[in-house]
Amino acid sequence: MKTKLRETSPGESDRVPEPATRGGSGSDEGIDLSLLGDSLSKTPWERMQANDDALRFADSLRAAMEKRNAKPERTDPQTR
């Protein structure tokens, strides 16, 4: 089964894609080809770098959440 993707007109990529329907109607409504074109315009190396950037960003978010949710260490006053 071969599906043909349609080109989007300028400004059309700003719309929210409609959810896909079950049943295999073959409708290509809601597919934003500008994202695909943007990805394909990059070299494999550029796509790998973008993936690495996304992973580093996700790691920094995870670390920030862990830091925010960490319980503060209790410091007991020293007794003499």
C-alpha atoms as a PDB file:
ATOM      1  CA  MET A   1       0.000   0.000   0.000  1.00  0.00           C
ATOM      2  CA  LYS A   2       1.563   3.260  -1.120  1.00  0.00           C
ATOM      3  CA  THR A   3       0.488   6.554   0.466  1.00  0.00           C
ATOM      4  CA  LYS A   4       1.041   9.835  -1.311  1.00  0.00           C
ATOM      5  CA  LEU A   5       1.812  12.856   0.872  1.00  0.00           C
ATOM      6  CA  ARG A   6       0.534  16.201  -0.305  1.00  0.00           C
ATOM      7  CA  GLU A   7       2.472  19.460  -0.304  1.00  0.00           C
ATOM      8  CA  THR A   8       1.402  22.163   2.147  1.00  0.00           C
ATOM      9  CA  SER A   9       0.885  25.755   1.150  1.00  0.00           C
ATOM     10  CA  PRO A  10       2.688  28.559   3.046  1.00  0.00           C
ATOM     11  CA  GLY A  11       1.066  29.150   6.409  1.00  0.00           C
ATOM     12  CA  GLU A  12      -0.792  25.858   6.297  1.00  0.00           C
ATOM     13  CA  SER A  13       1.834  24.155   8.468  1.00  0.00           C
ATOM     14  CA  ASP A  14       0.707  26.337  11.401  1.00  0.00           C
ATOM     15  CA  ARG A  15      -2.551  24.438  11.784  1.00  0.00           C
ATOM     16  CA  VAL A  16      -2.950  21.658  14.284  1.00  0.00           C
ATOM     17  CA  PRO A  17      -3.000  18.250  12.584  1.00  0.00           C
ATOM     18  CA  GLU A  18      -6.234  16.333  12.880  1.00  0.00           C
ATOM     19  CA  PRO A  19      -6.043  12.989  14.641  1.00  0.00           C
ATOM     20  CA  ALA A  20      -5.610   9.997  12.368  1.00  0.00           C
ATOM     21  CA  THR A  21      -8.661   7.881  11.859  1.00  0.00           C
ATOM     22  CA  ARG A  22      -8.673   4.125  12.096  1.00  0.00           C
ATOM     23  CA  GLY A  23      -9.763   2.102   9.159  1.00  0.00           C
ATOM     24  CA  GLY A  24      -7.037   2.953   6.645  1.00  0.00           C
ATOM     25  CA  SER A  25      -8.998   5.487   4.604  1.00  0.00           C
ATOM     26  CA  GLY A  26      -5.723   6.704   3.108  1.00  0.00           C
ATOM     27  CA  SER A  27      -6.451  10.328   3.979  1.00  0.00           C
ATOM     28  CA  ASP A  28      -3.312  12.449   4.105  1.00  0.00           C
ATOM     29  CA  GLU A  29      -4.970  15.399   5.855  1.00  0.00           C
ATOM     30  CA  GLY A  30      -3.073  16.758   8.833  1.00  0.00           C
ATOM     31  CA  ILE A  31       0.413  15.726   7.705  1.00  0.00           C
ATOM     32  CA  ASP A  32       2.906  18.582   8.009  1.00  0.00           C
ATOM     33  CA  LEU A  33       5.483  17.996   5.294  1.00  0.00           C
ATOM     34  CA  SER A  34       7.497  21.082   6.259  1.00  0.00           C
ATOM     35  CA  LEU A  35       8.865  19.163   9.269  1.00  0.00           C
ATOM     36  CA  LEU A  36       9.828  16.243   7.077  1.00  0.00           C
ATOM     37  CA  GLY A  37      11.417  18.563   4.513  1.00  0.00           C
ATOM     38  CA  ASP A  38      13.347  20.357   7.249  1.00  0.00           C
ATOM     39  CA  SER A  39      14.689  17.071   8.562  1.00  0.00           C
ATOM     40  CA  LEU A  40      15.599  15.767   5.122  1.00  0.00           C
ATOM     41  CA  SER A  41      17.423  18.995   4.273  1.00  0.00           C
ATOM     42  CA  LYS A  42      19.917  18.198   7.051  1.00  0.00           C
ATOM     43  CA  THR A  43      22.828  15.830   6.675  1.00  0.00           C
ATOM     44  CA  PRO A  44      22.826  12.664   8.781  1.00  0.00           C
ATOM     45  CA  TRP A  45      25.565  14.244  10.914  1.00  0.00           C
ATOM     46  CA  GLU A  46      23.399  17.349  11.551  1.00  0.00           C
ATOM     47  CA  ARG A  47      20.465  15.135  12.518  1.00  0.00           C
ATOM     48  CA  MET A  48      22.689  13.207  14.963  1.00  0.00           C
ATOM     49  CA  GLN A  49      23.885  16.492  16.488  1.00  0.00           C
ATOM     50  CA  ALA A  50      20.306  17.704  16.865  1.00  0.00           C
ATOM     51  CA  ASN A  51      19.451  14.414  18.585  1.00  0.00           C
ATOM     52  CA  ASP A  52      22.420  14.827  20.938  1.00  0.00           C
ATOM     53  CA  ASP A  53      21.261  18.378  21.744  1.00  0.00           C
ATOM     54  CA  ALA A  54      17.773  17.094  22.558  1.00  0.00           C
ATOM     55  CA  LEU A  55      19.215  14.359  24.808  1.00  0.00           C
ATOM     56  CA  ARG A  56      21.416  16.869  26.672  1.00  0.00           C
ATOM     57  CA  PHE A  57      18.404  19.138  27.142  1.00  0.00           C
ATOM     58  CA  ALA A  58      16.308  16.241  28.470  1.00  0.00           C
ATOM     59  CA  ASP A  59      19.127  15.284  30.860  1.00  0.00           C
ATOM     60  CA  SER A  60      19.360  18.862  32.145  1.00  0.00           C
ATOM     61  CA  LEU A  61      15.589  18.938  32.730  1.00  0.00           C
ATOM     62  CA  ARG A  62      15.757  15.609  34.556  1.00  0.00           C
ATOM     63  CA  ALA A  63      18.615  16.851  36.756  1.00  0.00           C
ATOM     64  CA  ALA A  64      16.741  20.075  37.532  1.00  0.00           C
ATOM     65  CA  MET A  65      13.633  18.106  38.530  1.00  0.00           C
ATOM     66  CA  GLU A  66      15.675  15.793  40.755  1.00  0.00           C
ATOM     67  CA  LYS A  67      17.343  18.808  42.376  1.00  0.00           C
ATOM     68  CA  ARG A  68      13.977  20.519  42.908  1.00  0.00           C
ATOM     69  CA  ASN A  69      12.390  17.401  44.386  1.00  0.00           C
ATOM     70  CA  ALA A  70      15.356  16.442  46.558  1.00  0.00           C
ATOM     71  CA  LYS A  71      14.839  16.715  50.285  1.00  0.00           C
ATOM     72  CA  PRO A  72      17.188  19.183  51.903  1.00  0.00           C
ATOM     73  CA  GLU A  73      19.914  17.659  54.031  1.00  0.00           C
ATOM     74  CA  ARG A  74      19.360  18.186  57.687  1.00  0.00           C
ATOM     75  CA  THR A  75      22.176  19.954  59.403  1.00  0.00           C
ATOM     76  CA  ASP A  76      22.253  19.360  63.149  1.00  0.00           C
ATOM     77  CA  PRO A  77      23.923  21.988  65.225  1.00  0.00           C
ATOM     78  CA  GLN A  78      27.139  20.682  66.642  1.00  0.00           C
ATOM     79  CA  THR A  79      26.980  20.088  70.365  1.00  0.00           C
ATOM     80  CA  ARG A  80      30.006  20.553  72.545  1.00  0.00           C
END
